[in-house]
ModelCIF file with pLDDT and N, C-alpha, C, O atoms, coordinates in Angstrom:
data_MODEL
#
_entry.id   MODEL 
#
_entity.id                         1 
_entity.type                       polymer 
_entity.pdbx_number_of_molecules   1 
#
_entity_poly.entity_id                      1 
_entity_poly.type                           'polypeptide(L)' 
_entity_poly.nstd_linkage                   no 
_entity_poly.nstd_monomer                   no 
_entity_poly.pdbx_seq_one_letter_code       
;(UNK)(UNK)(UNK)(UNK)(UNK)(UNK)(UNK)(UNK)(UNK)(UNK)(UNK)(UNK)(UNK)(UNK)(UNK)(UNK)
(UNK)(UNK)(UNK)(UNK)(UNK)(UNK)(UNK)(UNK)(UNK)(UNK)(UNK)(UNK)(UNK)(UNK)(UNK)(UNK)
(UNK)(UNK)(UNK)(UNK)(UNK)(UNK)(UNK)(UNK)(UNK)
;
_entity_poly.pdbx_seq_one_letter_code_can   XXXXXXXXXXXXXXXXXXXXXXXXXXXXXXXXXXXXXXXXX 
_entity_poly.pdbx_strand_id                 A 
#
loop_
_entity_poly_seq.entity_id 
_entity_poly_seq.num 
_entity_poly_seq.mon_id 
_entity_poly_seq.hetero 
1 1  UNK n 
1 2  UNK n 
1 3  UNK n 
1 4  UNK n 
1 5  UNK n 
1 6  UNK n 
1 7  UNK n 
1 8  UNK n 
1 9  UNK n 
1 10 UNK n 
1 11 UNK n 
1 12 UNK n 
1 13 UNK n 
1 14 UNK n 
1 15 UNK n 
1 16 UNK n 
1 17 UNK n 
1 18 UNK n 
1 19 UNK n 
1 20 UNK n 
1 21 UNK n 
1 22 UNK n 
1 23 UNK n 
1 24 UNK n 
1 25 UNK n 
1 26 UNK n 
1 27 UNK n 
1 28 UNK n 
1 29 UNK n 
1 30 UNK n 
1 31 UNK n 
1 32 UNK n 
1 33 UNK n 
1 34 UNK n 
1 35 UNK n 
1 36 UNK n 
1 37 UNK n 
1 38 UNK n 
1 39 UNK n 
1 40 UNK n 
1 41 UNK n 
#
_struct_asym.id          A 
_struct_asym.entity_id   1 
#
loop_
_ma_qa_metric.id 
_ma_qa_metric.mode 
_ma_qa_metric.name 
_ma_qa_metric.software_group_id 
_ma_qa_metric.type 
1 global pLDDT . pLDDT 
2 local  pLDDT . pLDDT 
#
_ma_qa_metric_global.metric_id      1 
_ma_qa_metric_global.metric_value   64.12 
_ma_qa_metric_global.model_id       1 
_ma_qa_metric_global.ordinal_id     1 
#
loop_
_ma_qa_metric_local.label_asym_id 
_ma_qa_metric_local.label_comp_id 
_ma_qa_metric_local.label_seq_id 
_ma_qa_metric_local.metric_id 
_ma_qa_metric_local.metric_value 
_ma_qa_metric_local.model_id 
_ma_qa_metric_local.ordinal_id 
A UNK 1  2 46.00 1 1  
A UNK 2  2 50.00 1 2  
A UNK 3  2 41.00 1 3  
A UNK 4  2 39.00 1 4  
A UNK 5  2 42.00 1 5  
A UNK 6  2 45.00 1 6  
A UNK 7  2 39.00 1 7  
A UNK 8  2 39.00 1 8  
A UNK 9  2 39.00 1 9  
A UNK 10 2 38.00 1 10 
A UNK 11 2 37.00 1 11 
A UNK 12 2 36.00 1 12 
A UNK 13 2 33.00 1 13 
A UNK 14 2 34.00 1 14 
A UNK 15 2 36.00 1 15 
A UNK 16 2 37.00 1 16 
A UNK 17 2 42.00 1 17 
A UNK 18 2 35.00 1 18 
A UNK 19 2 42.00 1 19 
A UNK 20 2 47.00 1 20 
A UNK 21 2 38.00 1 21 
A UNK 22 2 33.00 1 22 
A UNK 23 2 40.00 1 23 
A UNK 24 2 73.00 1 24 
A UNK 25 2 87.00 1 25 
A UNK 26 2 95.00 1 26 
A UNK 27 2 96.00 1 27 
A UNK 28 2 97.00 1 28 
A UNK 29 2 97.00 1 29 
A UNK 30 2 98.00 1 30 
A UNK 31 2 98.00 1 31 
A UNK 32 2 98.00 1 32 
A UNK 33 2 98.00 1 33 
A UNK 34 2 98.00 1 34 
A UNK 35 2 98.00 1 35 
A UNK 36 2 98.00 1 36 
A UNK 37 2 98.00 1 37 
A UNK 38 2 98.00 1 38 
A UNK 39 2 98.00 1 39 
A UNK 40 2 98.00 1 40 
A UNK 41 2 98.00 1 41 
#
loop_
_atom_site.group_PDB 
_atom_site.id 
_atom_site.type_symbol 
_atom_site.label_atom_id 
_atom_site.label_alt_id 
_atom_site.label_comp_id 
_atom_site.label_asym_id 
_atom_site.label_entity_id 
_atom_site.label_seq_id 
_atom_site.pdbx_PDB_ins_code 
_atom_site.Cartn_x 
_atom_site.Cartn_y 
_atom_site.Cartn_z 
_atom_site.occupancy 
_atom_site.B_iso_or_equiv 
_atom_site.pdbx_formal_charge 
_atom_site.auth_seq_id 
_atom_site.auth_comp_id 
_atom_site.auth_asym_id 
_atom_site.auth_atom_id 
_atom_site.pdbx_PDB_model_num 
ATOM 1   N N  . UNK A 1 1  ? 83.302 102.245 119.697 1.00 46.00 ? 1  UNK A N  1 
ATOM 2   C CA . UNK A 1 1  ? 82.142 101.423 119.370 1.00 46.00 ? 1  UNK A CA 1 
ATOM 3   C C  . UNK A 1 1  ? 81.851 101.452 117.874 1.00 46.00 ? 1  UNK A C  1 
ATOM 4   O O  . UNK A 1 1  ? 81.616 100.408 117.266 1.00 46.00 ? 1  UNK A O  1 
ATOM 5   N N  . UNK A 1 2  ? 81.865 102.653 117.271 1.00 50.00 ? 2  UNK A N  1 
ATOM 6   C CA . UNK A 1 2  ? 81.543 102.732 115.851 1.00 50.00 ? 2  UNK A CA 1 
ATOM 7   C C  . UNK A 1 2  ? 82.606 102.043 115.011 1.00 50.00 ? 2  UNK A C  1 
ATOM 8   O O  . UNK A 1 2  ? 82.296 101.464 113.970 1.00 50.00 ? 2  UNK A O  1 
ATOM 9   N N  . UNK A 1 3  ? 83.890 102.102 115.466 1.00 41.00 ? 3  UNK A N  1 
ATOM 10  C CA . UNK A 1 3  ? 84.932 101.411 114.711 1.00 41.00 ? 3  UNK A CA 1 
ATOM 11  C C  . UNK A 1 3  ? 84.738 99.902  114.767 1.00 41.00 ? 3  UNK A C  1 
ATOM 12  O O  . UNK A 1 3  ? 84.907 99.216  113.759 1.00 41.00 ? 3  UNK A O  1 
ATOM 13  N N  . UNK A 1 4  ? 84.384 99.379  115.941 1.00 39.00 ? 4  UNK A N  1 
ATOM 14  C CA . UNK A 1 4  ? 84.171 97.948  116.054 1.00 39.00 ? 4  UNK A CA 1 
ATOM 15  C C  . UNK A 1 4  ? 83.015 97.499  115.179 1.00 39.00 ? 4  UNK A C  1 
ATOM 16  O O  . UNK A 1 4  ? 83.081 96.443  114.551 1.00 39.00 ? 4  UNK A O  1 
ATOM 17  N N  . UNK A 1 5  ? 81.955 98.299  115.135 1.00 42.00 ? 5  UNK A N  1 
ATOM 18  C CA . UNK A 1 5  ? 80.819 97.962  114.290 1.00 42.00 ? 5  UNK A CA 1 
ATOM 19  C C  . UNK A 1 5  ? 81.242 97.928  112.826 1.00 42.00 ? 5  UNK A C  1 
ATOM 20  O O  . UNK A 1 5  ? 80.893 96.999  112.097 1.00 42.00 ? 5  UNK A O  1 
ATOM 21  N N  . UNK A 1 6  ? 82.005 98.954  112.388 1.00 45.00 ? 6  UNK A N  1 
ATOM 22  C CA . UNK A 1 6  ? 82.459 98.995  111.004 1.00 45.00 ? 6  UNK A CA 1 
ATOM 23  C C  . UNK A 1 6  ? 83.389 97.834  110.703 1.00 45.00 ? 6  UNK A C  1 
ATOM 24  O O  . UNK A 1 6  ? 83.298 97.224  109.637 1.00 45.00 ? 6  UNK A O  1 
ATOM 25  N N  . UNK A 1 7  ? 84.282 97.525  111.632 1.00 39.00 ? 7  UNK A N  1 
ATOM 26  C CA . UNK A 1 7  ? 85.236 96.436  111.414 1.00 39.00 ? 7  UNK A CA 1 
ATOM 27  C C  . UNK A 1 7  ? 84.534 95.104  111.300 1.00 39.00 ? 7  UNK A C  1 
ATOM 28  O O  . UNK A 1 7  ? 84.873 94.297  110.434 1.00 39.00 ? 7  UNK A O  1 
ATOM 29  N N  . UNK A 1 8  ? 83.556 94.859  112.164 1.00 39.00 ? 8  UNK A N  1 
ATOM 30  C CA . UNK A 1 8  ? 82.816 93.606  112.122 1.00 39.00 ? 8  UNK A CA 1 
ATOM 31  C C  . UNK A 1 8  ? 82.045 93.491  110.819 1.00 39.00 ? 8  UNK A C  1 
ATOM 32  O O  . UNK A 1 8  ? 81.990 92.427  110.202 1.00 39.00 ? 8  UNK A O  1 
ATOM 33  N N  . UNK A 1 9  ? 81.440 94.624  110.403 1.00 39.00 ? 9  UNK A N  1 
ATOM 34  C CA . UNK A 1 9  ? 80.675 94.607  109.162 1.00 39.00 ? 9  UNK A CA 1 
ATOM 35  C C  . UNK A 1 9  ? 81.569 94.316  107.971 1.00 39.00 ? 9  UNK A C  1 
ATOM 36  O O  . UNK A 1 9  ? 81.136 93.717  106.987 1.00 39.00 ? 9  UNK A O  1 
ATOM 37  N N  . UNK A 1 10 ? 82.818 94.744  108.066 1.00 38.00 ? 10 UNK A N  1 
ATOM 38  C CA . UNK A 1 10 ? 83.760 94.527  106.962 1.00 38.00 ? 10 UNK A CA 1 
ATOM 39  C C  . UNK A 1 10 ? 84.459 93.188  107.050 1.00 38.00 ? 10 UNK A C  1 
ATOM 40  O O  . UNK A 1 10 ? 85.283 92.856  106.198 1.00 38.00 ? 10 UNK A O  1 
ATOM 41  N N  . UNK A 1 11 ? 84.132 92.408  108.086 1.00 37.00 ? 11 UNK A N  1 
ATOM 42  C CA . UNK A 1 11 ? 84.758 91.108  108.231 1.00 37.00 ? 11 UNK A CA 1 
ATOM 43  C C  . UNK A 1 11 ? 86.123 91.180  108.864 1.00 37.00 ? 11 UNK A C  1 
ATOM 44  O O  . UNK A 1 11 ? 86.903 90.232  108.781 1.00 37.00 ? 11 UNK A O  1 
ATOM 45  N N  . UNK A 1 12 ? 86.424 92.318  109.507 1.00 36.00 ? 12 UNK A N  1 
ATOM 46  C CA . UNK A 1 12 ? 87.757 92.490  110.072 1.00 36.00 ? 12 UNK A CA 1 
ATOM 47  C C  . UNK A 1 12 ? 87.853 91.972  111.490 1.00 36.00 ? 12 UNK A C  1 
ATOM 48  O O  . UNK A 1 12 ? 88.927 92.005  112.091 1.00 36.00 ? 12 UNK A O  1 
ATOM 49  N N  . UNK A 1 13 ? 86.756 91.497  112.028 1.00 33.00 ? 13 UNK A N  1 
ATOM 50  C CA . UNK A 1 13 ? 86.776 91.007  113.398 1.00 33.00 ? 13 UNK A CA 1 
ATOM 51  C C  . UNK A 1 13 ? 87.077 92.118  114.371 1.00 33.00 ? 13 UNK A C  1 
ATOM 52  O O  . UNK A 1 13 ? 86.695 93.265  114.139 1.00 33.00 ? 13 UNK A O  1 
ATOM 53  N N  . UNK A 1 14 ? 87.763 91.798  115.469 1.00 34.00 ? 14 UNK A N  1 
ATOM 54  C CA . UNK A 1 14 ? 88.046 92.782  116.498 1.00 34.00 ? 14 UNK A CA 1 
ATOM 55  C C  . UNK A 1 14 ? 89.529 93.043  116.614 1.00 34.00 ? 14 UNK A C  1 
ATOM 56  O O  . UNK A 1 14 ? 90.035 93.336  117.697 1.00 34.00 ? 14 UNK A O  1 
ATOM 57  N N  . UNK A 1 15 ? 90.229 92.936  115.494 1.00 36.00 ? 15 UNK A N  1 
ATOM 58  C CA . UNK A 1 15 ? 91.671 93.136  115.528 1.00 36.00 ? 15 UNK A CA 1 
ATOM 59  C C  . UNK A 1 15 ? 91.989 94.621  115.494 1.00 36.00 ? 15 UNK A C  1 
ATOM 60  O O  . UNK A 1 15 ? 91.735 95.293  114.494 1.00 36.00 ? 15 UNK A O  1 
ATOM 61  N N  . UNK A 1 16 ? 92.544 95.134  116.582 1.00 37.00 ? 16 UNK A N  1 
ATOM 62  C CA . UNK A 1 16 ? 92.913 96.537  116.678 1.00 37.00 ? 16 UNK A CA 1 
ATOM 63  C C  . UNK A 1 16 ? 94.416 96.655  116.812 1.00 37.00 ? 16 UNK A C  1 
ATOM 64  O O  . UNK A 1 16 ? 95.046 95.891  117.543 1.00 37.00 ? 16 UNK A O  1 
ATOM 65  N N  . UNK A 1 17 ? 94.994 97.624  116.097 1.00 42.00 ? 17 UNK A N  1 
ATOM 66  C CA . UNK A 1 17 ? 96.424 97.833  116.284 1.00 42.00 ? 17 UNK A CA 1 
ATOM 67  C C  . UNK A 1 17 ? 96.657 98.410  117.666 1.00 42.00 ? 17 UNK A C  1 
ATOM 68  O O  . UNK A 1 17 ? 95.845 99.209  118.132 1.00 42.00 ? 17 UNK A O  1 
ATOM 69  N N  . UNK A 1 18 ? 97.732 98.038  118.339 1.00 35.00 ? 18 UNK A N  1 
ATOM 70  C CA . UNK A 1 18 ? 97.948 98.370  119.744 1.00 35.00 ? 18 UNK A CA 1 
ATOM 71  C C  . UNK A 1 18 ? 97.814 99.842  120.105 1.00 35.00 ? 18 UNK A C  1 
ATOM 72  O O  . UNK A 1 18 ? 97.248 100.140 121.158 1.00 35.00 ? 18 UNK A O  1 
ATOM 73  N N  . UNK A 1 19 ? 98.310 100.803 119.279 1.00 42.00 ? 19 UNK A N  1 
ATOM 74  C CA . UNK A 1 19 ? 98.268 102.175 119.749 1.00 42.00 ? 19 UNK A CA 1 
ATOM 75  C C  . UNK A 1 19 ? 96.915 102.848 119.649 1.00 42.00 ? 19 UNK A C  1 
ATOM 76  O O  . UNK A 1 19 ? 96.745 103.958 120.154 1.00 42.00 ? 19 UNK A O  1 
ATOM 77  N N  . UNK A 1 20 ? 95.932 102.198 119.000 1.00 47.00 ? 20 UNK A N  1 
ATOM 78  C CA . UNK A 1 20 ? 94.706 102.913 118.693 1.00 47.00 ? 20 UNK A CA 1 
ATOM 79  C C  . UNK A 1 20 ? 93.995 103.432 119.928 1.00 47.00 ? 20 UNK A C  1 
ATOM 80  O O  . UNK A 1 20 ? 93.535 104.574 119.950 1.00 47.00 ? 20 UNK A O  1 
ATOM 81  N N  . UNK A 1 21 ? 93.903 102.610 120.943 1.00 38.00 ? 21 UNK A N  1 
ATOM 82  C CA . UNK A 1 21 ? 93.164 103.025 122.123 1.00 38.00 ? 21 UNK A CA 1 
ATOM 83  C C  . UNK A 1 21 ? 94.054 103.027 123.355 1.00 38.00 ? 21 UNK A C  1 
ATOM 84  O O  . UNK A 1 21 ? 93.586 102.768 124.464 1.00 38.00 ? 21 UNK A O  1 
ATOM 85  N N  . UNK A 1 22 ? 95.324 103.316 123.167 1.00 33.00 ? 22 UNK A N  1 
ATOM 86  C CA . UNK A 1 22 ? 96.233 103.515 124.281 1.00 33.00 ? 22 UNK A CA 1 
ATOM 87  C C  . UNK A 1 22 ? 95.937 104.881 124.878 1.00 33.00 ? 22 UNK A C  1 
ATOM 88  O O  . UNK A 1 22 ? 95.006 105.566 124.456 1.00 33.00 ? 22 UNK A O  1 
ATOM 89  N N  . UNK A 1 23 ? 96.729 105.266 125.854 1.00 40.00 ? 23 UNK A N  1 
ATOM 90  C CA . UNK A 1 23 ? 96.505 106.560 126.493 1.00 40.00 ? 23 UNK A CA 1 
ATOM 91  C C  . UNK A 1 23 ? 96.447 107.662 125.446 1.00 40.00 ? 23 UNK A C  1 
ATOM 92  O O  . UNK A 1 23 ? 97.287 107.722 124.548 1.00 40.00 ? 23 UNK A O  1 
ATOM 93  N N  . UNK A 1 24 ? 95.464 108.520 125.566 1.00 73.00 ? 24 UNK A N  1 
ATOM 94  C CA . UNK A 1 24 ? 95.270 109.575 124.586 1.00 73.00 ? 24 UNK A CA 1 
ATOM 95  C C  . UNK A 1 24 ? 96.418 110.583 124.636 1.00 73.00 ? 24 UNK A C  1 
ATOM 96  O O  . UNK A 1 24 ? 96.913 110.943 125.703 1.00 73.00 ? 24 UNK A O  1 
ATOM 97  N N  . UNK A 1 25 ? 96.820 111.022 123.446 1.00 87.00 ? 25 UNK A N  1 
ATOM 98  C CA . UNK A 1 25 ? 97.836 112.064 123.381 1.00 87.00 ? 25 UNK A CA 1 
ATOM 99  C C  . UNK A 1 25 ? 97.205 113.417 123.670 1.00 87.00 ? 25 UNK A C  1 
ATOM 100 O O  . UNK A 1 25 ? 95.999 113.608 123.519 1.00 87.00 ? 25 UNK A O  1 
ATOM 101 N N  . UNK A 1 26 ? 98.039 114.335 124.081 1.00 95.00 ? 26 UNK A N  1 
ATOM 102 C CA . UNK A 1 26 ? 97.572 115.691 124.283 1.00 95.00 ? 26 UNK A CA 1 
ATOM 103 C C  . UNK A 1 26 ? 97.299 116.335 122.934 1.00 95.00 ? 26 UNK A C  1 
ATOM 104 O O  . UNK A 1 26 ? 98.086 116.188 121.999 1.00 95.00 ? 26 UNK A O  1 
ATOM 105 N N  . UNK A 1 27 ? 96.181 117.050 122.830 1.00 96.00 ? 27 UNK A N  1 
ATOM 106 C CA . UNK A 1 27 ? 95.839 117.764 121.605 1.00 96.00 ? 27 UNK A CA 1 
ATOM 107 C C  . UNK A 1 27 ? 96.283 119.208 121.713 1.00 96.00 ? 27 UNK A C  1 
ATOM 108 O O  . UNK A 1 27 ? 95.997 119.890 122.697 1.00 96.00 ? 27 UNK A O  1 
ATOM 109 N N  . UNK A 1 28 ? 96.985 119.665 120.689 1.00 97.00 ? 28 UNK A N  1 
ATOM 110 C CA . UNK A 1 28 ? 97.380 121.064 120.600 1.00 97.00 ? 28 UNK A CA 1 
ATOM 111 C C  . UNK A 1 28 ? 96.327 121.783 119.763 1.00 97.00 ? 28 UNK A C  1 
ATOM 112 O O  . UNK A 1 28 ? 96.259 121.584 118.550 1.00 97.00 ? 28 UNK A O  1 
ATOM 113 N N  . UNK A 1 29 ? 95.516 122.609 120.392 1.00 97.00 ? 29 UNK A N  1 
ATOM 114 C CA . UNK A 1 29 ? 94.421 123.280 119.699 1.00 97.00 ? 29 UNK A CA 1 
ATOM 115 C C  . UNK A 1 29 ? 94.857 124.272 118.650 1.00 97.00 ? 29 UNK A C  1 
ATOM 116 O O  . UNK A 1 29 ? 94.035 124.736 117.861 1.00 97.00 ? 29 UNK A O  1 
ATOM 117 N N  . UNK A 1 30 ? 96.140 124.612 118.622 1.00 98.00 ? 30 UNK A N  1 
ATOM 118 C CA . UNK A 1 30 ? 96.651 125.553 117.624 1.00 98.00 ? 30 UNK A CA 1 
ATOM 119 C C  . UNK A 1 30 ? 97.423 124.863 116.495 1.00 98.00 ? 30 UNK A C  1 
ATOM 120 O O  . UNK A 1 30 ? 97.975 125.525 115.616 1.00 98.00 ? 30 UNK A O  1 
ATOM 121 N N  . UNK A 1 31 ? 97.456 123.543 116.528 1.00 98.00 ? 31 UNK A N  1 
ATOM 122 C CA . UNK A 1 31 ? 98.163 122.743 115.524 1.00 98.00 ? 31 UNK A CA 1 
ATOM 123 C C  . UNK A 1 31 ? 97.134 122.133 114.580 1.00 98.00 ? 31 UNK A C  1 
ATOM 124 O O  . UNK A 1 31 ? 96.205 121.450 115.012 1.00 98.00 ? 31 UNK A O  1 
ATOM 125 N N  . UNK A 1 32 ? 97.313 122.390 113.280 1.00 98.00 ? 32 UNK A N  1 
ATOM 126 C CA . UNK A 1 32 ? 96.438 121.849 112.247 1.00 98.00 ? 32 UNK A CA 1 
ATOM 127 C C  . UNK A 1 32 ? 97.294 121.204 111.162 1.00 98.00 ? 32 UNK A C  1 
ATOM 128 O O  . UNK A 1 32 ? 98.407 121.654 110.889 1.00 98.00 ? 32 UNK A O  1 
ATOM 129 N N  . UNK A 1 33 ? 96.772 120.157 110.553 1.00 98.00 ? 33 UNK A N  1 
ATOM 130 C CA . UNK A 1 33 ? 97.499 119.457 109.494 1.00 98.00 ? 33 UNK A CA 1 
ATOM 131 C C  . UNK A 1 33 ? 96.851 119.749 108.151 1.00 98.00 ? 33 UNK A C  1 
ATOM 132 O O  . UNK A 1 33 ? 95.630 119.681 108.009 1.00 98.00 ? 33 UNK A O  1 
ATOM 133 N N  . UNK A 1 34 ? 97.688 120.076 107.160 1.00 98.00 ? 34 UNK A N  1 
ATOM 134 C CA . UNK A 1 34 ? 97.228 120.303 105.796 1.00 98.00 ? 34 UNK A CA 1 
ATOM 135 C C  . UNK A 1 34 ? 97.675 119.153 104.908 1.00 98.00 ? 34 UNK A C  1 
ATOM 136 O O  . UNK A 1 34 ? 98.873 118.918 104.753 1.00 98.00 ? 34 UNK A O  1 
ATOM 137 N N  . UNK A 1 35 ? 96.718 118.430 104.320 1.00 98.00 ? 35 UNK A N  1 
ATOM 138 C CA . UNK A 1 35 ? 96.976 117.482 103.244 1.00 98.00 ? 35 UNK A CA 1 
ATOM 139 C C  . UNK A 1 35 ? 96.360 118.076 101.976 1.00 98.00 ? 35 UNK A C  1 
ATOM 140 O O  . UNK A 1 35 ? 95.450 118.900 102.060 1.00 98.00 ? 35 UNK A O  1 
ATOM 141 N N  . UNK A 1 36 ? 96.841 117.670 100.821 1.00 98.00 ? 36 UNK A N  1 
ATOM 142 C CA . UNK A 1 36 ? 96.226 118.120 99.566  1.00 98.00 ? 36 UNK A CA 1 
ATOM 143 C C  . UNK A 1 36 ? 96.555 117.156 98.448  1.00 98.00 ? 36 UNK A C  1 
ATOM 144 O O  . UNK A 1 36 ? 97.585 116.482 98.473  1.00 98.00 ? 36 UNK A O  1 
ATOM 145 N N  . UNK A 1 37 ? 95.670 117.097 97.465  1.00 98.00 ? 37 UNK A N  1 
ATOM 146 C CA . UNK A 1 37 ? 95.931 116.327 96.244  1.00 98.00 ? 37 UNK A CA 1 
ATOM 147 C C  . UNK A 1 37 ? 96.368 114.902 96.567  1.00 98.00 ? 37 UNK A C  1 
ATOM 148 O O  . UNK A 1 37 ? 97.460 114.462 96.205  1.00 98.00 ? 37 UNK A O  1 
ATOM 149 N N  . UNK A 1 38 ? 95.478 114.200 97.259  1.00 98.00 ? 38 UNK A N  1 
ATOM 150 C CA . UNK A 1 38 ? 95.771 112.817 97.642  1.00 98.00 ? 38 UNK A CA 1 
ATOM 151 C C  . UNK A 1 38 ? 95.615 111.852 96.464  1.00 98.00 ? 38 UNK A C  1 
ATOM 152 O O  . UNK A 1 38 ? 96.351 110.869 96.370  1.00 98.00 ? 38 UNK A O  1 
ATOM 153 N N  . UNK A 1 39 ? 94.657 112.125 95.559  1.00 98.00 ? 39 UNK A N  1 
ATOM 154 C CA . UNK A 1 39 ? 94.460 111.353 94.324  1.00 98.00 ? 39 UNK A CA 1 
ATOM 155 C C  . UNK A 1 39 ? 94.376 109.848 94.585  1.00 98.00 ? 39 UNK A C  1 
ATOM 156 O O  . UNK A 1 39 ? 95.115 109.061 93.993  1.00 98.00 ? 39 UNK A O  1 
ATOM 157 N N  . UNK A 1 40 ? 93.478 109.469 95.465  1.00 98.00 ? 40 UNK A N  1 
ATOM 158 C CA . UNK A 1 40 ? 93.341 108.052 95.812  1.00 98.00 ? 40 UNK A CA 1 
ATOM 159 C C  . UNK A 1 40 ? 92.447 107.323 94.809  1.00 98.00 ? 40 UNK A C  1 
ATOM 160 O O  . UNK A 1 40 ? 91.338 107.764 94.507  1.00 98.00 ? 40 UNK A O  1 
ATOM 161 N N  . UNK A 1 41 ? 92.950 106.209 94.304  1.00 98.00 ? 41 UNK A N  1 
ATOM 162 C CA . UNK A 1 41 ? 92.199 105.371 93.371  1.00 98.00 ? 41 UNK A CA 1 
ATOM 163 C C  . UNK A 1 41 ? 91.518 104.229 94.123  1.00 98.00 ? 41 UNK A C  1 
ATOM 164 O O  . UNK A 1 41 ? 90.833 103.408 93.512  1.00 98.00 ? 41 UNK A O  1 
#
């Protein structure tokens, strides 16, 4: 719901990429991802 609201507000309509709300993947509670120094402009 919050994504649809944000998308509509941004003028993106209701276009969702197919995998976004497909069957949920299993979450591994012991798996964590480290990103660093993204430096986004």
